[in-house]
Amino acid sequence: MTFRLSPLRIVLVAALLAVVVLGAFWALRANGPEDADADAKAAIAAAGFSAEQEEAIGLIVRQYILEHPEVLPEAIAELQRRQTTEQLANAGDGLTRAFPGAVLGNPKGSKVLVEFSDYACGYCRQSVEDVKALVAADSDLQVVIREFPILSQGSVEAAKMALAAAKQGKFEAFHEAMYAQGRPTDDAIELAAKQAGLDMTRARADAGSEDVAKEIEANREFAQQLQISGTPAWIAGDQVMEGAVGQSALRVALYPEKR
């Protein structure tokens, strides 16, 4: 049996096709296949199609996807863009507001790059020169370092000392000295702190302070919100990226107008 669609219904089918494809991916990612199927059926029902028309629309959608498989990666990319936008909005302005002093580059810069880092992370160490090059190229760039120690207890102790160094206005010096040391052992952390010129008595006390502990916990919460599971991770413009993505990728994300 066949049926005919009016021109208006044809337009509705075309619109519904987009809704079903993208909406199904959204629901599948967020809630699982059962909710994705339910959402697709709800959209069809809301459009006022009969059971026969619904079956035909299912065939249309399937055939369209088979003939135009490129819509799938496009839909996934759009889904990821929407999710990232939502996650960044939920994280709020606090994400780009540094712990006092824990900044590289211009602390008042209007262009902001956020880095989640761990001193035990080799890829973070590899990215140090990339960040330095970006800072050198743009005097308006502010790099907010979010201490995210996830690899070892040494990571935690190094992160605490880094924030203690920030309290003394010597974050950058410690940051570079700590990465130069390699693994964040107790001796390496102590040596990096001394190389940075820290008042060690004050630094040890600050490293154990409540506000330092709260900062590290807040960074873990930000990471959870953004579904960041490793280091380095970056927030550049409207993008969240993980891994040693390199200077070029960071530059493209920070300066989309120059693409």
Protein backbone atom coordinates (compact mmCIF):
# COMPACT_ATOMS: atom_id res chain seq x y z
CA MET A 1 0.00 0.00 0.00
CA THR A 2 1.24 3.49 -0.77
CA PHE A 3 0.34 6.90 0.47
CA ARG A 4 0.85 10.41 -0.73
CA LEU A 5 2.24 13.38 1.11
CA SER A 6 1.18 16.92 0.54
CA PRO A 7 3.92 19.48 -0.17
CA LEU A 8 3.67 20.64 3.45
CA ARG A 9 4.10 17.07 4.70
CA ILE A 10 7.12 16.64 2.43
CA VAL A 11 8.71 19.68 4.09
CA LEU A 12 7.84 18.18 7.48
CA VAL A 13 9.45 14.89 6.55
CA ALA A 14 12.64 16.65 5.48
CA ALA A 15 12.75 18.62 8.72
CA LEU A 16 11.94 15.51 10.70
CA LEU A 17 14.76 13.64 9.02
CA ALA A 18 17.24 16.14 10.43
CA VAL A 19 15.61 16.02 13.84
CA VAL A 20 15.60 12.23 13.97
CA VAL A 21 19.23 11.82 12.85
CA LEU A 22 20.74 14.50 15.08
CA GLY A 23 18.29 14.03 17.92
CA ALA A 24 18.87 10.30 17.98
CA PHE A 25 22.62 10.80 18.28
CA TRP A 26 22.11 13.33 21.06
CA ALA A 27 19.81 11.04 23.05
CA LEU A 28 21.97 8.00 22.37
CA ARG A 29 25.06 9.73 23.73
CA ALA A 30 23.28 11.22 26.72
CA ASN A 31 20.76 8.57 27.72
CA GLY A 32 21.29 5.34 25.79
CA PRO A 33 19.60 3.56 22.87
CA GLU A 34 16.19 3.10 24.50
CA ASP A 35 15.73 6.83 25.11
CA ALA A 36 17.05 7.62 21.62
CA ASP A 37 14.41 5.35 20.07
CA ALA A 38 11.69 6.83 22.30
CA ASP A 39 12.68 10.39 21.41
CA ALA A 40 12.62 9.62 17.68
CA LYS A 41 9.16 8.03 17.95
CA ALA A 42 7.90 10.97 20.01
CA ALA A 43 9.07 13.41 17.33
CA ILE A 44 7.24 11.43 14.66
CA ALA A 45 4.08 11.19 16.73
CA ALA A 46 4.15 14.91 17.45
CA ALA A 47 4.21 15.62 13.73
CA GLY A 48 0.85 13.84 13.38
CA PHE A 49 1.86 11.00 11.06
CA SER A 50 -0.15 7.77 10.92
CA ALA A 51 1.36 4.35 11.70
CA GLU A 52 1.68 3.67 7.97
CA GLN A 53 3.39 6.98 7.38
CA GLU A 54 5.65 6.38 10.37
CA GLU A 55 6.82 3.10 8.85
CA ALA A 56 7.49 4.80 5.54
CA ILE A 57 9.40 7.59 7.22
CA GLY A 58 11.59 4.98 8.90
CA LEU A 59 12.43 3.58 5.48
CA ILE A 60 13.10 7.08 4.15
CA VAL A 61 15.47 7.83 7.01
CA ARG A 62 17.30 4.51 6.58
CA GLN A 63 17.64 4.98 2.83
CA TYR A 64 18.83 8.56 3.25
CA ILE A 65 21.55 7.52 5.69
CA LEU A 66 22.68 4.70 3.38
CA GLU A 67 22.88 7.10 0.45
CA HIS A 68 24.42 9.94 2.47
CA PRO A 69 26.61 8.35 5.18
CA GLU A 70 28.49 11.65 5.48
CA VAL A 71 25.64 12.96 7.64
CA LEU A 72 26.75 10.65 10.46
CA PRO A 73 30.17 12.22 11.18
CA GLU A 74 28.59 15.63 10.61
CA ALA A 75 25.90 14.82 13.17
CA ILE A 76 28.47 13.51 15.64
CA ALA A 77 30.60 16.65 15.22
CA GLU A 78 27.53 18.81 15.84
CA LEU A 79 26.64 16.74 18.89
CA GLN A 80 30.13 17.15 20.31
CA ARG A 81 30.06 20.89 19.64
CA ARG A 82 26.72 21.23 21.48
CA GLN A 83 27.92 19.11 24.39
CA THR A 84 31.11 21.14 24.73
CA THR A 85 29.16 24.40 24.65
CA GLU A 86 26.83 23.11 27.35
CA GLN A 87 29.68 21.81 29.51
CA LEU A 88 31.61 25.08 29.31
CA ALA A 89 28.46 27.04 30.17
CA ASN A 90 27.84 24.79 33.18
CA ALA A 91 31.43 25.22 34.36
CA GLY A 92 30.92 28.98 34.48
CA ASP A 93 33.38 31.85 34.64
CA GLY A 94 35.31 30.18 37.47
CA LEU A 95 36.94 27.90 34.93
CA THR A 96 38.98 30.75 33.46
CA ARG A 97 39.60 32.49 36.79
CA ALA A 98 43.01 31.44 38.06
CA PHE A 99 44.10 30.64 41.58
CA PRO A 100 45.87 33.90 42.50
CA GLY A 101 49.28 33.84 40.86
CA ALA A 102 48.88 30.48 39.05
CA VAL A 103 49.16 32.10 35.64
CA LEU A 104 51.66 32.17 32.80
CA GLY A 105 51.88 35.08 30.40
CA ASN A 106 49.78 38.18 31.01
CA PRO A 107 47.73 37.75 34.22
CA LYS A 108 45.30 40.37 32.92
CA GLY A 109 45.25 39.20 29.33
CA SER A 110 41.91 39.09 27.53
CA LYS A 111 42.83 35.98 25.51
CA VAL A 112 42.70 32.98 27.84
CA LEU A 113 44.07 29.46 27.51
CA VAL A 114 43.32 27.02 30.32
CA GLU A 115 45.60 24.04 30.90
CA PHE A 116 44.90 21.11 33.22
CA SER A 117 48.32 19.73 34.08
CA ASP A 118 50.13 17.15 36.21
CA TYR A 119 53.85 17.39 37.02
CA ALA A 120 54.22 13.62 36.56
CA CYS A 121 52.83 13.83 33.02
CA GLY A 122 55.38 13.51 30.25
CA TYR A 123 52.99 15.01 27.69
CA CYS A 124 52.53 18.06 29.95
CA ARG A 125 56.31 18.41 30.09
CA GLN A 126 56.40 18.11 26.31
CA SER A 127 53.85 20.94 26.04
CA VAL A 128 55.82 23.44 28.14
CA GLU A 129 57.69 24.81 25.13
CA ASP A 130 54.46 25.08 23.12
CA VAL A 131 52.90 27.25 25.82
CA LYS A 132 56.03 29.38 26.12
CA ALA A 133 55.98 30.00 22.36
CA LEU A 134 52.32 31.03 22.44
CA VAL A 135 52.98 33.42 25.33
CA ALA A 136 55.99 34.91 23.57
CA ALA A 137 53.90 35.52 20.44
CA ASP A 138 50.98 37.26 22.17
CA SER A 139 51.42 39.73 25.00
CA ASP A 140 47.65 39.58 25.63
CA LEU A 141 47.62 35.83 26.29
CA GLN A 142 46.79 34.62 29.78
CA VAL A 143 47.47 30.93 30.49
CA VAL A 144 45.49 29.71 33.49
CA ILE A 145 47.09 26.61 34.96
CA ARG A 146 44.66 24.28 36.73
CA GLU A 147 46.63 21.85 38.88
CA PHE A 148 45.11 18.43 38.20
CA PRO A 149 47.30 15.83 39.94
CA ILE A 150 46.01 12.40 38.96
CA LEU A 151 49.08 10.25 38.28
CA SER A 152 50.79 9.85 41.65
CA GLN A 153 51.08 11.13 45.19
CA GLY A 154 54.14 13.00 43.98
CA SER A 155 51.83 14.80 41.54
CA VAL A 156 49.69 15.93 44.44
CA GLU A 157 52.64 17.21 46.47
CA ALA A 158 54.09 19.03 43.45
CA ALA A 159 50.71 20.64 42.71
CA LYS A 160 50.47 21.86 46.31
CA MET A 161 53.96 23.35 46.15
CA ALA A 162 53.14 25.02 42.82
CA LEU A 163 50.16 26.77 44.39
CA ALA A 164 52.32 27.70 47.38
CA ALA A 165 54.77 29.23 44.89
CA ALA A 166 51.86 31.17 43.36
CA LYS A 167 51.22 32.72 46.76
CA GLN A 168 54.77 34.06 46.68
CA GLY A 169 54.50 35.33 43.12
CA LYS A 170 56.91 32.66 41.85
CA PHE A 171 54.61 30.22 40.14
CA GLU A 172 56.23 30.38 36.71
CA ALA A 173 59.71 29.82 38.16
CA PHE A 174 58.56 26.76 40.09
CA HIS A 175 56.46 25.47 37.18
CA GLU A 176 59.43 25.42 34.83
CA ALA A 177 61.89 24.14 37.44
CA MET A 178 59.53 21.31 38.44
CA TYR A 179 59.06 20.09 34.89
CA ALA A 180 62.82 20.31 34.34
CA GLN A 181 63.34 17.95 37.29
CA GLY A 182 61.42 15.09 35.73
CA ARG A 183 59.51 12.84 38.16
CA PRO A 184 58.00 14.75 41.12
CA THR A 185 59.78 12.97 43.95
CA ASP A 186 60.09 14.64 47.36
CA ASP A 187 63.70 15.60 46.61
CA ALA A 188 62.81 16.94 43.15
CA ILE A 189 59.98 19.07 44.54
CA GLU A 190 62.26 20.47 47.24
CA LEU A 191 65.00 21.27 44.71
CA ALA A 192 62.55 22.92 42.28
CA ALA A 193 61.14 25.04 45.10
CA LYS A 194 64.62 26.21 46.09
CA GLN A 195 65.56 26.91 42.47
CA ALA A 196 62.42 29.07 42.22
CA GLY A 197 63.64 31.05 45.24
CA LEU A 198 60.77 30.17 47.56
CA ASP A 199 60.71 30.95 51.25
CA MET A 200 60.64 27.27 52.19
CA THR A 201 59.13 27.68 55.65
CA ARG A 202 56.23 29.67 54.27
CA ALA A 203 55.94 27.43 51.20
CA ARG A 204 55.58 24.25 53.27
CA ALA A 205 52.89 25.90 55.38
CA ASP A 206 51.02 27.23 52.33
CA ALA A 207 51.22 23.87 50.57
CA GLY A 208 49.23 22.37 53.44
CA SER A 209 46.70 25.20 53.61
CA GLU A 210 42.95 24.81 53.19
CA ASP A 211 42.69 27.12 50.17
CA VAL A 212 45.29 25.07 48.28
CA ALA A 213 43.38 21.86 49.02
CA LYS A 214 40.13 23.51 47.91
CA GLU A 215 41.72 24.67 44.65
CA ILE A 216 42.86 21.17 43.73
CA GLU A 217 39.42 19.77 44.57
CA ALA A 218 37.75 22.50 42.49
CA ASN A 219 39.98 21.58 39.55
CA ARG A 220 38.91 17.95 39.86
CA GLU A 221 35.27 19.05 39.79
CA PHE A 222 35.88 21.16 36.67
CA ALA A 223 37.55 18.18 35.02
CA GLN A 224 34.59 15.98 35.87
CA GLN A 225 32.14 18.52 34.45
CA LEU A 226 34.12 18.70 31.23
CA GLN A 227 34.68 14.92 31.07
CA ILE A 228 38.44 15.43 31.19
CA SER A 229 40.19 12.24 32.22
CA GLY A 230 43.82 12.93 31.41
CA THR A 231 46.53 15.56 31.11
CA PRO A 232 47.32 17.84 29.53
CA ALA A 233 43.84 19.09 28.74
CA TRP A 234 43.06 22.47 27.27
CA ILE A 235 40.21 24.95 27.05
CA ALA A 236 40.90 27.26 24.15
CA GLY A 237 38.08 29.42 22.87
CA ASP A 238 35.04 27.18 22.57
CA GLN A 239 37.04 23.94 22.40
CA VAL A 240 38.07 21.31 24.96
CA MET A 241 41.07 19.25 23.86
CA GLU A 242 43.07 16.51 25.54
CA GLY A 243 46.65 15.45 25.00
CA ALA A 244 49.81 17.11 23.71
CA VAL A 245 47.94 18.60 20.77
CA GLY A 246 50.79 20.90 19.81
CA GLN A 247 51.26 24.62 19.34
CA SER A 248 49.50 24.75 15.97
CA ALA A 249 46.24 23.20 17.23
CA LEU A 250 46.21 25.49 20.25
CA ARG A 251 46.83 28.52 18.05
CA VAL A 252 43.96 27.60 15.71
CA ALA A 253 41.59 27.18 18.68
CA LEU A 254 42.70 30.43 20.31
CA TYR A 255 42.59 32.53 17.14
CA PRO A 256 39.74 31.17 14.96
CA GLU A 257 39.60 34.46 13.10
CA LYS A 258 43.05 33.68 11.63
CA ARG A 259 42.08 30.28 10.21
